[in-house]
Each structure stands twice: as C-alpha cells, then as structure tokens.
Amino acid sequence: MADEAGYSEDALEAGRLLFAGDAKFVKGVVDLKGLPASDRTEVCFAGRSNVGKSSLINALTNRAKLARSSAEPGRTRELNYFDIGEGRLYLVDLPGFGYAKVSKSQAEAWTKLTKAYLRGRPSLRRVFLLVDARRGLMDTDDEVMDMMDKSAVTYQIVLTKVDKIAKGEVDEMAEKIAGKLKKRGAAHPVVRMTSSEKGWGIPELRAEIAALA
C-alpha cells in the first residue's frame, strides 16, 4: 500500500499533541554503553546521507534547528537521541548510510554501531527508513532491509522530498516499493510520502508515531 492508511481526526490530533509538546536533544551515543535506559518507546530514522532526516525531524517537531542539517554528507556521526513529549518517546536519528568524505574504518565503525543498535534494542518499536523520492531504493537500502528482516525489526519506508518530482512519478514509485515490501517479513506495508519543505504527509507521520508511543 502506498500511503493508503488514513487516520481519524482523533489520531491526527494525538499526533499533533505529541509533537506540540516539549522536544529536546538528549545525547549523542558513540557506543552501546552510552545508550539511555530502555524505559520508553523508541522509534528511529535511518537512511542514506542527504536523504533529509534532520529536515524531517525538524518538520515533525516544528523546530527549525532541533536536528542539525548540513550540506556535508555524513555529519550525523552518532546515534542522536531526542526526547519527545516530555518523556513519552525517544526519537533516534541514526548516522546516514553511504558515507562520503570519511575513512573506511570510520564508516565501518558507524555501521557496526548502527547494526548492533537495530538488532538489540528492546524498546525500539519501528525503524522509519527514509528514501529520497528522486532516487528511489538503492543497494544500501536493500542491505539495511535485509538485515532488519533477519533481525525481525519492524520498519517502514518514508519517501522524502516528494515535492521535487511529479506526483505521478511519486505514486508510481511508492506503488513499486509497496510491491517489493510484500516479500519482506518485517516491513510495514504502508509507504509514507512526505515533504519537509511543504509540510506534506507530516500530520500523518506524526499520527503513525503517536500510535506507537
């Protein structure tokens, strides 16, 4: 399904209220020993560098600079924890895949940390795998989905920057991706379509996250 799961007014309002509350950066984690206690629901955002993770977090929280955006790929070099709704939820921003301008050893270290987190975090309810609508699924996305399928970690595809291409192209891509997800055991069937710049799909994604909290 491509963005077909609708939400009631109550669900949309629950999402609005969750993200209208306090949102703050908690800490950057560089190894598993630094993870906070698993005392609340966690959702995380994963995706290739420059896919728009920081912009989407800022759009969801209505805060222009909560998550730092950068033109330099690979700036997010830690597991960045954000507290949403005064303790209701952790939103985790993962390092981008397909790192540029970093050493092979550094990229391998981030990849190892990310995989260890995804496989072993008991409070992690869902991974939102962000995909640039202008590029579609890439090999690194397939590799991450393979790993999450093996680990039985539930994940959902969120297309970003959908305002940058024609609606027909976006719909076609979303349907194609949804078809592929039917063959993957841990994938959520609904593909979300968003634009941080235009605000498209943001209320629905808030509602999706609030339903997990």
Protein backbone atom coordinates (compact mmCIF):
# COMPACT_ATOMS: atom_id res chain seq x y z
CA MET A 1 0.00 0.00 0.00
CA ALA A 2 1.28 3.43 -0.85
CA ASP A 3 0.16 5.94 1.74
CA GLU A 4 -3.32 4.40 1.86
CA ALA A 5 -3.80 4.01 5.61
CA GLY A 6 -5.86 7.02 6.61
CA TYR A 7 -6.20 8.45 10.08
CA SER A 8 -9.16 9.66 12.08
CA GLU A 9 -9.31 13.21 13.35
CA ASP A 10 -8.59 11.86 16.84
CA ALA A 11 -5.45 10.08 15.64
CA LEU A 12 -4.21 13.16 13.81
CA GLU A 13 -4.85 15.26 16.89
CA ALA A 14 -2.96 12.77 19.06
CA GLY A 15 -0.02 13.11 16.72
CA ARG A 16 -0.21 16.89 16.76
CA LEU A 17 -0.32 16.97 20.56
CA LEU A 18 2.64 14.61 20.94
CA PHE A 19 4.87 16.77 18.77
CA ALA A 20 3.46 20.06 20.04
CA GLY A 21 4.88 19.23 23.45
CA ASP A 22 8.47 19.59 24.53
CA ALA A 23 11.12 18.22 22.19
CA LYS A 24 14.78 18.33 23.09
CA PHE A 25 18.11 16.80 22.23
CA VAL A 26 19.21 14.35 24.94
CA LYS A 27 22.57 12.94 23.90
CA GLY A 28 24.73 11.58 21.12
CA VAL A 29 25.72 7.96 21.58
CA VAL A 30 29.01 6.66 20.17
CA ASP A 31 28.90 3.14 21.63
CA LEU A 32 26.27 0.82 23.07
CA LYS A 33 27.42 1.52 26.63
CA GLY A 34 26.16 5.08 26.22
CA LEU A 35 22.57 4.15 25.38
CA PRO A 36 19.95 5.55 27.78
CA ALA A 37 17.72 3.22 29.76
CA SER A 38 15.08 1.36 27.74
CA ASP A 39 12.30 2.96 29.76
CA ARG A 40 10.08 4.21 26.94
CA THR A 41 9.18 3.57 23.33
CA GLU A 42 11.80 4.37 20.73
CA VAL A 43 11.43 4.98 17.02
CA CYS A 44 14.38 5.73 14.81
CA PHE A 45 15.04 7.37 11.48
CA ALA A 46 17.52 5.70 9.17
CA GLY A 47 18.55 6.41 5.60
CA ARG A 48 21.30 7.41 3.26
CA SER A 49 23.24 10.60 3.82
CA ASN A 50 21.43 13.67 2.47
CA VAL A 51 18.08 11.90 2.46
CA GLY A 52 16.59 14.62 4.68
CA LYS A 53 16.45 13.02 8.13
CA SER A 54 17.28 16.22 10.02
CA SER A 55 14.80 18.25 7.98
CA LEU A 56 12.04 15.73 8.65
CA ILE A 57 12.71 15.69 12.40
CA ASN A 58 12.58 19.49 12.43
CA ALA A 59 9.33 19.48 10.44
CA LEU A 60 7.71 16.94 12.77
CA THR A 61 8.62 18.95 15.87
CA ASN A 62 8.04 22.40 14.36
CA ARG A 63 11.55 23.36 15.42
CA ALA A 64 13.87 24.74 12.79
CA LYS A 65 17.13 23.73 14.45
CA LEU A 66 16.38 20.78 16.74
CA ALA A 67 18.26 18.41 14.44
CA ARG A 68 21.24 19.89 12.65
CA SER A 69 21.12 19.84 8.87
CA SER A 70 24.28 20.05 6.83
CA ALA A 71 25.30 20.09 3.20
CA GLU A 72 28.15 17.77 4.17
CA PRO A 73 27.09 14.12 3.85
CA GLY A 74 27.69 12.03 6.95
CA ARG A 75 27.51 14.80 9.53
CA THR A 76 25.40 12.68 11.85
CA ARG A 77 28.12 10.51 13.34
CA GLU A 78 26.35 9.32 16.48
CA LEU A 79 23.02 7.86 17.49
CA ASN A 80 21.32 11.15 18.32
CA TYR A 81 18.57 10.83 20.93
CA PHE A 82 15.67 13.29 21.12
CA ASP A 83 13.06 13.30 23.89
CA ILE A 84 9.56 13.87 22.50
CA GLY A 85 6.50 14.75 24.57
CA GLU A 86 8.25 15.11 27.94
CA GLY A 87 9.33 11.52 28.32
CA ARG A 88 6.76 9.75 26.18
CA LEU A 89 9.07 8.80 23.35
CA TYR A 90 12.66 8.71 22.16
CA LEU A 91 13.21 9.61 18.53
CA VAL A 92 16.64 8.40 17.41
CA ASP A 93 18.49 9.84 14.42
CA LEU A 94 20.93 7.26 13.03
CA PRO A 95 24.13 8.01 11.09
CA GLY A 96 23.48 8.15 7.36
CA PHE A 97 24.33 5.20 5.16
CA GLY A 98 26.61 5.62 2.15
CA TYR A 99 29.02 7.90 3.97
CA ALA A 100 31.08 10.33 1.96
CA LYS A 101 34.33 12.05 2.90
CA VAL A 102 35.13 9.74 5.80
CA SER A 103 37.66 6.97 6.24
CA LYS A 104 36.72 3.37 5.60
CA SER A 105 37.45 2.48 9.22
CA GLN A 106 35.18 5.29 10.49
CA ALA A 107 32.36 4.23 8.18
CA GLU A 108 32.74 0.63 9.33
CA ALA A 109 32.61 1.73 12.98
CA TRP A 110 29.37 3.66 12.46
CA THR A 111 27.86 0.76 10.53
CA LYS A 112 28.78 -1.69 13.30
CA LEU A 113 27.24 0.58 15.95
CA THR A 114 24.06 1.08 13.95
CA LYS A 115 23.58 -2.63 13.26
CA ALA A 116 24.20 -3.52 16.90
CA TYR A 117 21.61 -0.96 17.97
CA LEU A 118 19.00 -2.15 15.48
CA ARG A 119 19.43 -5.79 16.43
CA GLY A 120 19.48 -5.43 20.18
CA ARG A 121 17.34 -2.52 21.39
CA PRO A 122 14.27 -3.95 23.17
CA SER A 123 12.37 -0.64 23.31
CA LEU A 124 12.68 0.01 19.55
CA ARG A 125 9.19 -0.20 18.08
CA ARG A 126 9.84 0.83 14.49
CA VAL A 127 12.54 1.96 12.12
CA PHE A 128 11.48 4.59 9.62
CA LEU A 129 13.72 4.06 6.61
CA LEU A 130 13.84 7.33 4.70
CA VAL A 131 14.24 7.18 0.93
CA ASP A 132 14.81 10.18 -1.34
CA ALA A 133 11.90 10.18 -3.80
CA ARG A 134 14.21 11.48 -6.53
CA ARG A 135 16.40 8.36 -6.30
CA GLY A 136 14.21 5.53 -5.03
CA LEU A 137 15.50 2.42 -3.30
CA MET A 138 19.24 1.91 -3.63
CA ASP A 139 21.54 -1.04 -2.88
CA THR A 140 22.33 0.24 0.62
CA ASP A 141 18.60 0.46 1.41
CA ASP A 142 18.16 -3.17 0.34
CA GLU A 143 21.09 -4.20 2.55
CA VAL A 144 19.56 -2.47 5.58
CA MET A 145 16.17 -4.06 4.91
CA ASP A 146 17.82 -7.50 4.58
CA MET A 147 19.42 -7.01 7.98
CA MET A 148 16.18 -5.87 9.62
CA ASP A 149 14.24 -8.76 8.08
CA LYS A 150 16.75 -11.21 9.60
CA SER A 151 16.53 -9.45 12.96
CA ALA A 152 12.71 -9.15 12.85
CA VAL A 153 12.91 -5.37 13.38
CA THR A 154 9.75 -3.70 12.06
CA TYR A 155 10.49 -0.96 9.54
CA GLN A 156 8.52 1.39 7.32
CA ILE A 157 9.56 3.24 4.16
CA VAL A 158 9.09 7.02 4.19
CA LEU A 159 9.65 8.81 0.89
CA THR A 160 11.15 12.27 1.40
CA LYS A 161 11.33 15.33 -0.86
CA VAL A 162 8.24 14.27 -2.82
CA ASP A 163 7.69 17.90 -3.82
CA LYS A 164 10.77 17.69 -6.03
CA ILE A 165 9.24 15.35 -8.63
CA ALA A 166 5.88 14.99 -10.37
CA LYS A 167 3.06 13.43 -8.34
CA GLY A 168 2.56 10.69 -10.91
CA GLU A 169 6.20 9.66 -10.57
CA VAL A 170 5.93 9.63 -6.78
CA ASP A 171 2.78 7.50 -6.85
CA GLU A 172 4.35 5.06 -9.30
CA MET A 173 7.49 4.75 -7.18
CA ALA A 174 5.51 4.26 -3.97
CA GLU A 175 3.41 1.51 -5.55
CA LYS A 176 6.52 -0.22 -6.87
CA ILE A 177 8.18 -0.10 -3.44
CA ALA A 178 5.00 -1.33 -1.74
CA GLY A 179 5.01 -4.31 -4.10
CA LYS A 180 8.57 -5.18 -3.09
CA LEU A 181 7.73 -4.89 0.60
CA LYS A 182 5.15 -7.66 0.33
CA LYS A 183 8.05 -10.10 0.02
CA ARG A 184 9.76 -8.83 3.17
CA GLY A 185 8.73 -10.24 6.52
CA ALA A 186 9.50 -7.27 8.79
CA ALA A 187 8.27 -4.48 6.51
CA HIS A 188 5.23 -2.34 7.33
CA PRO A 189 3.03 -2.37 4.21
CA VAL A 190 2.26 1.36 4.03
CA VAL A 191 4.72 3.65 2.25
CA ARG A 192 4.52 7.20 3.59
CA MET A 193 5.13 10.20 1.31
CA THR A 194 6.46 13.41 2.83
CA SER A 195 7.87 16.83 2.07
CA SER A 196 9.52 18.65 4.94
CA GLU A 197 9.58 21.84 2.91
CA LYS A 198 5.88 21.80 2.02
CA GLY A 199 4.61 20.01 5.12
CA TRP A 200 3.05 17.21 3.07
CA GLY A 201 2.47 13.97 4.96
CA ILE A 202 3.74 15.40 8.25
CA PRO A 203 0.43 15.14 10.21
CA GLU A 204 0.02 11.52 9.10
CA LEU A 205 3.56 10.59 10.10
CA ARG A 206 3.04 12.23 13.50
CA ALA A 207 -0.10 10.15 13.94
CA GLU A 208 1.78 7.00 12.93
CA ILE A 209 4.46 7.66 15.55
CA ALA A 210 1.96 8.68 18.26
CA ALA A 211 0.15 5.37 17.82
CA LEU A 212 3.38 3.60 18.81
CA ALA A 213 4.09 5.73 21.89
